[in-house]
Protein backbone atom coordinates (compact mmCIF):
# COMPACT_ATOMS: atom_id res chain seq x y z
CA UNK A 1 -0.22 -0.09 -0.33
CA UNK A 2 1.09 3.36 -0.66
CA UNK A 3 0.40 6.48 1.75
CA UNK A 4 0.22 9.92 0.63
CA UNK A 5 0.85 13.09 3.30
CA UNK A 6 0.37 16.81 2.27
CA UNK A 7 1.68 19.82 3.88
CA UNK A 8 1.90 23.37 3.20
CA UNK A 9 -1.63 24.55 2.99
CA UNK A 10 -2.87 27.77 4.70
CA UNK A 11 -4.14 31.43 4.29
CA UNK A 12 -2.68 33.43 1.56
CA UNK A 13 -3.85 36.98 0.18
CA UNK A 14 -4.80 37.08 -3.44
CA UNK A 15 -1.79 37.65 -5.88
CA UNK A 16 0.39 35.65 -3.33
CA UNK A 17 2.06 32.36 -3.50
CA UNK A 18 2.17 29.16 -1.84
CA UNK A 19 4.05 25.53 -1.97
CA UNK A 20 2.08 22.38 -1.12
CA UNK A 21 4.33 19.38 -0.71
CA UNK A 22 3.17 15.41 -0.80
CA UNK A 23 5.26 12.51 0.50
CA UNK A 24 4.99 9.07 -0.80
CA UNK A 25 5.63 6.28 1.53
CA UNK A 26 5.21 2.35 1.10
CA UNK A 27 5.08 0.68 -2.22
CA UNK A 28 5.96 3.38 -4.46
CA UNK A 29 7.68 1.31 -6.66
CA UNK A 30 5.27 1.03 -9.10
CA UNK A 31 4.08 4.61 -9.45
CA UNK A 32 3.21 5.94 -12.77
CA UNK A 33 2.14 9.65 -12.25
CA UNK A 34 1.49 11.72 -9.15
CA UNK A 35 -0.66 14.82 -9.06
CA UNK A 36 -2.87 17.47 -7.28
CA UNK A 37 -6.61 17.80 -7.41
CA UNK A 38 -8.44 20.17 -5.44
CA UNK A 39 -12.32 20.59 -4.32
CA UNK A 40 -13.68 23.88 -3.39
CA UNK A 41 -17.04 23.86 -1.25
CA UNK A 42 -20.11 22.87 -3.07
CA UNK A 43 -18.00 21.67 -5.97
CA UNK A 44 -16.75 18.57 -7.54
CA UNK A 45 -12.98 17.34 -6.98
CA UNK A 46 -11.36 18.70 -10.23
CA UNK A 47 -7.70 18.01 -11.67
CA UNK A 48 -5.14 20.46 -11.04
CA UNK A 49 -1.69 19.21 -12.17
CA UNK A 50 -0.10 16.10 -12.80
CA UNK A 51 3.78 14.68 -13.32
CA UNK A 52 4.70 11.57 -14.79
CA UNK A 53 7.21 9.73 -12.10
CA UNK A 54 9.56 8.40 -15.20
CA UNK A 55 10.12 11.15 -17.30
CA UNK A 56 8.63 14.18 -15.51
CA UNK A 57 6.05 15.30 -18.15
CA UNK A 58 3.64 17.53 -16.57
CA UNK A 59 -0.24 18.20 -17.35
CA UNK A 60 -1.97 21.37 -16.09
CA UNK A 61 -5.58 22.33 -15.92
CA UNK A 62 -6.36 25.35 -17.99
CA UNK A 63 -7.55 27.48 -15.20
CA UNK A 64 -3.91 26.97 -13.39
CA UNK A 65 -1.46 27.04 -16.24
CA UNK A 66 1.32 29.67 -16.11
CA UNK A 67 0.50 29.96 -12.23
CA UNK A 68 0.95 26.73 -11.14
CA UNK A 69 4.25 24.56 -11.42
CA UNK A 70 4.51 21.01 -10.45
CA UNK A 71 7.57 19.15 -9.70
CA UNK A 72 9.03 15.80 -8.33
CA UNK A 73 11.80 14.05 -6.53
CA UNK A 74 12.27 10.42 -7.56
CA UNK A 75 14.34 9.40 -5.17
CA UNK A 76 12.59 11.02 -2.05
CA UNK A 77 9.35 10.06 -3.58
CA UNK A 78 8.07 13.75 -3.24
CA UNK A 79 5.95 15.88 -5.49
CA UNK A 80 5.30 19.69 -4.94
CA UNK A 81 2.86 22.13 -6.26
CA UNK A 82 3.98 25.64 -6.55
CA UNK A 83 1.44 28.08 -6.87
CA UNK A 84 1.64 31.65 -7.72
CA UNK A 85 -0.58 34.77 -8.37
CA UNK A 86 -3.15 32.99 -6.47
CA UNK A 87 -6.76 33.91 -6.71
CA UNK A 88 -9.87 33.43 -4.20
CA UNK A 89 -11.33 30.95 -6.64
CA UNK A 90 -8.02 28.99 -5.82
CA UNK A 91 -9.61 28.29 -2.31
CA UNK A 92 -9.99 24.56 -2.14
CA UNK A 93 -9.03 21.30 -0.26
CA UNK A 94 -5.99 20.32 -2.10
CA UNK A 95 -5.33 16.58 -2.64
CA UNK A 96 -2.26 14.55 -3.49
CA UNK A 97 -2.88 11.59 -5.76
CA UNK A 98 -0.88 8.80 -6.94
CA UNK A 99 -1.58 6.76 -10.32
CA UNK A 100 0.18 3.12 -10.04
CA UNK A 101 -0.71 2.45 -14.02
CA UNK A 102 -1.77 4.36 -17.06
CA UNK A 103 -5.04 2.86 -17.17
CA UNK A 104 -5.61 2.52 -13.64
CA UNK A 105 -5.87 6.36 -13.00
CA UNK A 106 -5.53 8.59 -9.56
CA UNK A 107 -6.39 5.76 -6.76
CA UNK A 108 -4.45 6.71 -3.91
CA UNK A 109 -5.15 9.87 -2.14
CA UNK A 110 -3.74 11.79 0.74
CA UNK A 111 -5.91 13.69 3.53
CA UNK A 112 -5.95 16.65 1.74
CA UNK A 113 -4.84 20.47 2.64
CA UNK A 114 -6.81 23.33 2.87
CA UNK A 115 -5.79 26.47 0.70
CA UNK A 116 -7.46 29.85 1.40
CA UNK A 117 -7.31 32.78 -0.85
CA UNK A 118 -8.45 36.13 0.70
CA UNK A 119 -9.49 39.10 -1.30
């Protein structure tokens, strides 16, 4: 089994930046990709960004392109989400997620960390 633990959430003013961290432990040798999702109050959970574990290719939701960056440390089993120019609409619980295979999707989740952007 794999465990994911996020950290780094909190309160930030609009226009500010924040860095979220996710540490993976357990059976991480079969990781295909890791990513970040978020869920705002009253809304569905949505994809934010992901990074391929072997070649580090990245993908972003249109809403965060050019404002967010994702990176990973293969040896340390960690992934980070760096957010710039935060907006109130970025307020959500952010979840780290792991996909073990290309077809299996993101099937392992962290507990989430709250990010609140004040206007």
